[in-house]
Amino acid sequence: MYIIETRNLTHVYRGKIKALDNINFTAKPGERIALIGANGAGKSTLFKHFNGILKPTSGEILIKGEPISKKSILDVRRTVGVVFQDPDDQIFAPTVKQDVAFGPMNLGLSEEIIEKRVREALETVRLTGFEERAPHHLSTGEKKKVAIAGILAMQPEVLVLDEPTAGLDPGGAVRLIRLINEMNRYLGITTIVATHEVDIVPLLADRVCIMSSGRIIGDGTPQEIFSTDELIKKTHLRLPIVAQLMEMLQDEGIPVNVRFTLEEARDELLKVVK
């Protein structure tokens, strides 16, 4: 069974602007999915439907096979956690501990369980010791981790992240990518990432959906998507830097296959050298 499914999902803003146009999207438990496209392609609008922040103009969204309704909305938001691009839109409490505890408190959990969830969530994002810190005094990377911890404390089955590496320096981006993959690998959380930064896509996803003008126009592995020149040109994106390098080597007559991550490129080049 799909954990998320949209059927002919359409969303129109103010009765005029069609942000989503007949979207059919599915996510299975444990998948790592990247949703890519230029700014304005509809990625953020689609994400906001996954846990009921927005309601469709037409079509429907099913979570674990059940349509989102007023009766199910609490369970939906417990299942699907969304981390916004700007953590300041999500963090509001005076201390890190209070912010992370907010979700579990609203579930009516006991103080003991809340304490346990907060502790475990902060351990997962490596912010143990930050409990009494003021979140708005933290770095952008630390704020993003607080926002993620607040979602993790709800024990979601799906974690949706909108432009997770935006505003981070290269080191912070690498650490966040590693954290997202660890949550998928060790906690079994389905991860769905929206981004237009193509270089991080092969690091975060086994499946890529490409969006343009409110539609999904491609769905496949990173290799399948980035090997389709028409899709990349249509969405005004580019190949990941590693793939560009491999193509340049091919043009020089070096018999390599195009790869998309540094590790894959290293292994491919070692084959040629040997």
Protein backbone atom coordinates (compact mmCIF):
# COMPACT_ATOMS: atom_id res chain seq x y z
CA MET A 1 0.00 0.00 0.00
CA TYR A 2 1.19 3.50 -0.75
CA ILE A 3 1.86 5.68 2.25
CA ILE A 4 1.02 8.77 0.16
CA GLU A 5 -1.05 8.84 -3.00
CA THR A 6 -2.54 11.76 -4.93
CA ARG A 7 -5.19 11.22 -7.55
CA ASN A 8 -5.73 13.88 -10.23
CA LEU A 9 -4.70 16.53 -7.70
CA THR A 10 -5.29 20.10 -8.87
CA HIS A 11 -4.82 23.30 -6.89
CA VAL A 12 -5.81 26.76 -8.06
CA TYR A 13 -4.79 29.86 -6.10
CA ARG A 14 -7.32 32.70 -5.90
CA GLY A 15 -9.39 31.04 -8.58
CA LYS A 16 -6.89 31.92 -11.31
CA ILE A 17 -3.38 30.52 -10.84
CA LYS A 18 -3.18 26.77 -11.45
CA ALA A 19 -0.27 25.75 -9.22
CA LEU A 20 -0.92 22.00 -9.57
CA ASP A 21 -2.43 20.40 -12.64
CA ASN A 22 -3.75 16.84 -12.40
CA ILE A 23 -0.94 15.42 -10.24
CA ASN A 24 -0.75 11.66 -9.75
CA PHE A 25 1.99 10.89 -7.25
CA THR A 26 2.75 7.92 -5.01
CA ALA A 27 5.23 7.20 -2.23
CA LYS A 28 5.88 3.77 -0.75
CA PRO A 29 7.08 3.15 2.81
CA GLY A 30 10.85 3.57 3.10
CA GLU A 31 11.38 5.29 -0.24
CA ARG A 32 13.86 8.12 -0.80
CA ILE A 33 12.30 10.52 -3.28
CA ALA A 34 13.47 13.84 -4.69
CA LEU A 35 11.04 16.22 -6.31
CA ILE A 36 12.96 18.58 -8.57
CA GLY A 37 12.08 21.52 -10.75
CA ALA A 38 12.74 25.21 -11.18
CA ASN A 39 11.35 27.74 -8.72
CA GLY A 40 7.60 28.04 -9.25
CA ALA A 41 7.22 24.49 -10.62
CA GLY A 42 4.73 23.59 -7.85
CA LYS A 43 6.94 21.58 -5.50
CA SER A 44 6.08 23.48 -2.30
CA THR A 45 2.37 23.58 -3.13
CA LEU A 46 2.35 19.81 -3.62
CA PHE A 47 4.10 19.23 -0.29
CA LYS A 48 1.57 21.31 1.59
CA HIS A 49 -1.15 18.91 0.46
CA PHE A 50 0.62 15.87 1.90
CA ASN A 51 -0.41 16.67 5.48
CA GLY A 52 -3.48 18.80 4.90
CA ILE A 53 -1.95 22.29 5.11
CA LEU A 54 -3.64 22.97 1.76
CA LYS A 55 -6.82 21.43 0.40
CA PRO A 56 -7.08 20.46 -3.25
CA THR A 57 -9.30 22.38 -5.64
CA SER A 58 -10.08 18.99 -7.17
CA GLY A 59 -8.79 15.46 -6.87
CA GLU A 60 -7.82 13.77 -3.63
CA ILE A 61 -4.93 12.82 -1.33
CA LEU A 62 -4.79 9.46 0.41
CA ILE A 63 -2.56 8.74 3.38
CA LYS A 64 -2.08 5.01 3.99
CA GLY A 65 -5.05 4.41 1.70
CA GLU A 66 -7.46 6.79 3.47
CA PRO A 67 -8.56 10.22 2.17
CA ILE A 68 -7.59 13.22 4.32
CA SER A 69 -10.60 14.46 6.30
CA LYS A 70 -11.34 16.52 9.40
CA LYS A 71 -11.61 13.29 11.33
CA SER A 72 -8.22 11.97 10.16
CA ILE A 73 -6.19 15.20 10.07
CA LEU A 74 -4.45 14.60 13.41
CA ASP A 75 -3.35 11.12 12.37
CA VAL A 76 -2.28 12.50 8.99
CA ARG A 77 -0.02 15.12 10.59
CA ARG A 78 1.36 12.50 12.94
CA THR A 79 2.19 10.33 9.90
CA VAL A 80 3.53 13.03 7.57
CA GLY A 81 5.84 15.71 8.94
CA VAL A 82 6.78 18.72 6.81
CA VAL A 83 9.94 20.79 7.33
CA PHE A 84 9.70 24.16 5.61
CA GLN A 85 12.51 25.84 3.67
CA ASP A 86 12.88 28.63 6.23
CA PRO A 87 13.14 27.20 9.77
CA ASP A 88 12.03 30.57 11.20
CA ASP A 89 8.57 29.79 9.78
CA GLN A 90 8.44 26.70 12.00
CA ILE A 91 10.30 27.59 15.20
CA PHE A 92 8.49 29.76 17.72
CA ALA A 93 9.15 28.60 21.32
CA PRO A 94 11.64 30.40 23.61
CA THR A 95 13.84 27.30 24.06
CA VAL A 96 14.84 24.36 21.89
CA LYS A 97 13.33 21.89 24.35
CA GLN A 98 9.96 23.65 24.39
CA ASP A 99 9.90 23.84 20.61
CA VAL A 100 10.63 20.14 20.12
CA ALA A 101 8.11 19.23 22.85
CA PHE A 102 5.25 21.20 21.28
CA GLY A 103 4.03 18.45 18.95
CA PRO A 104 4.06 15.61 21.49
CA MET A 105 2.32 17.88 24.03
CA ASN A 106 -0.52 18.44 21.57
CA LEU A 107 -0.89 14.69 21.22
CA GLY A 108 -1.77 14.57 24.92
CA LEU A 109 1.18 12.38 25.84
CA SER A 110 2.45 12.02 29.38
CA GLU A 111 5.29 14.21 30.60
CA GLU A 112 7.55 11.18 30.84
CA ILE A 113 6.96 10.17 27.22
CA ILE A 114 7.38 13.77 26.03
CA GLU A 115 10.73 14.01 27.81
CA LYS A 116 11.84 10.74 26.21
CA ARG A 117 10.79 11.82 22.72
CA VAL A 118 12.49 15.21 23.03
CA ARG A 119 15.69 13.58 24.25
CA GLU A 120 15.71 11.00 21.46
CA ALA A 121 14.88 13.57 18.77
CA LEU A 122 17.70 15.86 19.86
CA GLU A 123 20.09 12.92 20.01
CA THR A 124 19.13 11.97 16.45
CA VAL A 125 19.87 15.46 15.07
CA ARG A 126 22.98 15.76 17.28
CA LEU A 127 21.72 18.71 19.35
CA THR A 128 21.97 17.15 22.80
CA GLY A 129 22.92 19.95 25.19
CA PHE A 130 20.95 22.59 23.27
CA GLU A 131 17.75 22.07 25.31
CA GLU A 132 17.78 25.48 27.02
CA ARG A 133 19.22 27.44 24.10
CA ALA A 134 17.10 30.09 22.36
CA PRO A 135 16.48 28.69 18.86
CA HIS A 136 16.48 32.08 17.16
CA HIS A 137 20.07 32.60 18.29
CA LEU A 138 21.25 29.44 16.54
CA SER A 139 22.85 29.13 13.12
CA THR A 140 20.70 28.34 10.08
CA GLY A 141 21.89 24.72 10.09
CA GLU A 142 21.12 24.32 13.78
CA LYS A 143 17.67 25.86 13.30
CA LYS A 144 16.94 23.36 10.54
CA LYS A 145 17.92 20.56 12.89
CA VAL A 146 15.59 21.94 15.59
CA ALA A 147 12.74 22.00 13.06
CA ILE A 148 13.52 18.39 12.08
CA ALA A 149 13.70 17.35 15.74
CA GLY A 150 10.27 18.86 16.33
CA ILE A 151 8.89 16.64 13.57
CA LEU A 152 10.82 13.56 14.72
CA ALA A 153 9.33 13.92 18.21
CA MET A 154 5.96 13.21 16.59
CA GLN A 155 7.42 9.89 15.34
CA PRO A 156 6.36 10.36 11.71
CA GLU A 157 6.45 7.71 9.02
CA VAL A 158 7.18 10.30 6.32
CA LEU A 159 9.51 13.30 6.48
CA VAL A 160 8.98 15.94 3.80
CA LEU A 161 11.71 18.58 3.44
CA ASP A 162 11.41 21.69 1.29
CA GLU A 163 14.81 22.88 -0.04
CA PRO A 164 16.63 21.43 3.01
CA THR A 165 20.11 22.69 2.09
CA ALA A 166 19.05 26.25 1.21
CA GLY A 167 21.10 28.80 3.15
CA LEU A 168 23.66 26.27 4.40
CA ASP A 169 27.39 26.36 3.82
CA PRO A 170 28.88 23.28 2.06
CA GLY A 171 29.84 21.59 5.34
CA GLY A 172 26.41 22.17 6.85
CA ALA A 173 24.73 20.82 3.70
CA VAL A 174 26.82 17.63 3.80
CA ARG A 175 25.97 17.05 7.47
CA LEU A 176 22.25 17.57 6.84
CA ILE A 177 22.25 15.22 3.85
CA ARG A 178 23.93 12.57 6.00
CA LEU A 179 21.31 13.08 8.72
CA ILE A 180 18.39 12.74 6.30
CA ASN A 181 19.81 9.50 4.91
CA GLU A 182 20.41 8.12 8.41
CA MET A 183 16.77 8.78 9.33
CA ASN A 184 15.69 6.83 6.26
CA ARG A 185 18.16 3.99 6.77
CA TYR A 186 18.00 3.49 10.52
CA LEU A 187 14.53 4.77 11.45
CA GLY A 188 12.75 3.56 8.31
CA ILE A 189 11.30 7.01 7.61
CA THR A 190 10.17 7.72 4.05
CA THR A 191 11.99 10.87 2.94
CA ILE A 192 10.70 13.24 0.26
CA VAL A 193 12.89 16.20 -0.62
CA ALA A 194 12.02 19.15 -2.85
CA THR A 195 14.98 20.93 -4.38
CA HIS A 196 16.31 22.65 -7.45
CA GLU A 197 19.90 21.93 -6.37
CA VAL A 198 20.56 19.02 -8.72
CA ASP A 199 23.97 18.16 -7.24
CA ILE A 200 22.40 16.85 -4.03
CA VAL A 201 19.70 14.77 -5.74
CA PRO A 202 21.77 11.59 -6.33
CA LEU A 203 22.88 11.75 -2.68
CA LEU A 204 19.34 11.91 -1.31
CA ALA A 205 17.13 9.91 -3.63
CA ASP A 206 16.71 6.59 -5.36
CA ARG A 207 13.72 7.98 -7.24
CA VAL A 208 13.29 11.39 -8.84
CA CYS A 209 10.10 13.13 -9.91
CA ILE A 210 10.60 16.17 -12.10
CA MET A 211 8.03 18.98 -12.10
CA SER A 212 7.27 21.75 -14.56
CA SER A 213 4.33 24.19 -14.57
CA GLY A 214 2.46 22.27 -11.90
CA ARG A 215 2.82 18.86 -13.53
CA ILE A 216 5.02 15.82 -12.96
CA ILE A 217 6.67 15.30 -16.34
CA GLY A 218 9.20 12.63 -15.39
CA ASP A 219 9.54 9.86 -12.79
CA GLY A 220 12.47 7.47 -12.53
CA THR A 221 15.88 6.78 -11.05
CA PRO A 222 18.44 9.64 -11.01
CA GLN A 223 20.22 7.96 -13.94
CA GLU A 224 16.98 7.72 -15.96
CA ILE A 225 15.96 11.32 -15.27
CA PHE A 226 19.35 12.94 -15.83
CA SER A 227 19.95 10.87 -18.96
CA THR A 228 16.89 12.42 -20.63
CA ASP A 229 18.17 15.64 -22.18
CA GLU A 230 14.69 16.87 -23.17
CA LEU A 231 13.47 16.79 -19.56
CA ILE A 232 16.48 18.69 -18.25
CA LYS A 233 16.24 21.37 -20.94
CA LYS A 234 12.48 21.74 -20.51
CA THR A 235 12.82 22.46 -16.81
CA HIS A 236 15.85 24.76 -17.18
CA LEU A 237 17.93 22.57 -14.88
CA ARG A 238 21.33 21.00 -15.53
CA LEU A 239 23.15 17.75 -14.92
CA PRO A 240 24.88 17.26 -11.57
CA ILE A 241 28.51 18.48 -11.70
CA VAL A 242 29.86 14.92 -11.37
CA ALA A 243 27.83 13.80 -14.38
CA GLN A 244 29.06 16.79 -16.39
CA LEU A 245 32.65 15.82 -15.63
CA MET A 246 32.03 12.23 -16.76
CA GLU A 247 30.54 13.48 -20.03
CA MET A 248 33.59 15.70 -20.58
CA LEU A 249 35.83 12.66 -20.09
CA GLN A 250 33.75 10.75 -22.65
CA ASP A 251 34.21 13.62 -25.12
CA GLU A 252 37.98 13.22 -24.64
CA GLY A 253 37.71 9.57 -25.62
CA ILE A 254 38.01 8.11 -22.13
CA PRO A 255 35.74 5.01 -21.93
CA VAL A 256 33.74 5.82 -18.80
CA ASN A 257 30.06 5.51 -18.01
CA VAL A 258 28.30 8.59 -16.67
CA ARG A 259 27.98 8.50 -12.88
CA PHE A 260 26.24 10.90 -10.53
CA THR A 261 28.02 10.76 -7.16
CA LEU A 262 31.68 11.19 -6.24
CA GLU A 263 31.89 7.60 -4.96
CA GLU A 264 30.42 6.19 -8.17
CA ALA A 265 32.70 8.38 -10.31
CA ARG A 266 35.76 7.27 -8.30
CA ASP A 267 34.90 3.60 -8.80
CA GLU A 268 34.31 4.15 -12.52
CA LEU A 269 37.62 5.95 -12.97
CA LEU A 270 39.50 3.28 -11.02
CA LYS A 271 38.17 0.68 -13.46
CA VAL A 272 39.63 2.67 -16.35
CA VAL A 273 42.98 3.22 -14.61
CA LYS A 274 43.32 -0.48 -13.78
